Amino acid sequence: MAHDSRKAALTALVANTVLTVFKFFAALLSHSASMMNEPTR
């Protein structure tokens, strides 16, 4: 059971990191201040 929750937490962490990096580069390319300031959940 603990292994499953650890795997879920790690998967969520990796997914959020990838989304944050993607949004950062998208904001840089589009020069969008609103995208840069939008929080990633």
C-alpha atoms as a PDB file:
ATOM      1  CA  MET A   1       0.000   0.000   0.000  1.00  0.00           C
ATOM      2  CA  ALA A   2       2.753   2.472   0.877  1.00  0.00           C
ATOM      3  CA  HIS A   3       4.518   1.680  -2.374  1.00  0.00           C
ATOM      4  CA  ASP A   4       1.397   2.640  -4.356  1.00  0.00           C
ATOM      5  CA  SER A   5       1.047   6.011  -2.641  1.00  0.00           C
ATOM      6  CA  ARG A   6       4.750   6.741  -3.091  1.00  0.00           C
ATOM      7  CA  LYS A   7       4.453   5.923  -6.804  1.00  0.00           C
ATOM      8  CA  ALA A   8       1.386   8.170  -7.125  1.00  0.00           C
ATOM      9  CA  ALA A   9       3.139  11.047  -5.373  1.00  0.00           C
ATOM     10  CA  LEU A  10       6.227  10.667  -7.553  1.00  0.00           C
ATOM     11  CA  THR A  11       4.102  10.534 -10.709  1.00  0.00           C
ATOM     12  CA  ALA A  12       2.257  13.706  -9.670  1.00  0.00           C
ATOM     13  CA  LEU A  13       5.541  15.466  -8.900  1.00  0.00           C
ATOM     14  CA  VAL A  14       7.037  14.563 -12.274  1.00  0.00           C
ATOM     15  CA  ALA A  15       3.862  15.555 -14.141  1.00  0.00           C
ATOM     16  CA  ASN A  16       3.669  18.929 -12.377  1.00  0.00           C
ATOM     17  CA  THR A  17       7.347  19.596 -13.057  1.00  0.00           C
ATOM     18  CA  VAL A  18       6.922  18.832 -16.761  1.00  0.00           C
ATOM     19  CA  LEU A  19       3.846  21.077 -16.959  1.00  0.00           C
ATOM     20  CA  THR A  20       5.638  23.909 -15.175  1.00  0.00           C
ATOM     21  CA  VAL A  21       8.608  23.743 -17.546  1.00  0.00           C
ATOM     22  CA  PHE A  22       6.310  23.549 -20.589  1.00  0.00           C
ATOM     23  CA  LYS A  23       4.264  26.555 -19.428  1.00  0.00           C
ATOM     24  CA  PHE A  24       7.429  28.532 -18.717  1.00  0.00           C
ATOM     25  CA  PHE A  25       8.746  28.025 -22.248  1.00  0.00           C
ATOM     26  CA  ALA A  26       5.300  28.681 -23.754  1.00  0.00           C
ATOM     27  CA  ALA A  27       5.124  31.956 -21.824  1.00  0.00           C
ATOM     28  CA  LEU A  28       8.592  32.930 -23.027  1.00  0.00           C
ATOM     29  CA  LEU A  29       7.770  32.147 -26.640  1.00  0.00           C
ATOM     30  CA  SER A  30       4.412  33.930 -26.573  1.00  0.00           C
ATOM     31  CA  HIS A  31       5.580  36.829 -24.360  1.00  0.00           C
ATOM     32  CA  SER A  32       2.494  36.206 -22.227  1.00  0.00           C
ATOM     33  CA  ALA A  33       2.720  37.751 -18.771  1.00  0.00           C
ATOM     34  CA  SER A  34      -0.587  36.207 -17.745  1.00  0.00           C
ATOM     35  CA  MET A  35       0.636  32.690 -18.553  1.00  0.00           C
ATOM     36  CA  MET A  36       3.831  33.330 -16.619  1.00  0.00           C
ATOM     37  CA  ASN A  37       1.834  34.416 -13.568  1.00  0.00           C
ATOM     38  CA  GLU A  38      -0.716  31.603 -13.715  1.00  0.00           C
ATOM     39  CA  PRO A  39      -0.076  28.996 -11.028  1.00  0.00           C
ATOM     40  CA  THR A  40       0.348  25.375 -12.033  1.00  0.00           C
ATOM     41  CA  ARG A  41      -1.690  22.911  -9.982  1.00  0.00           C
END
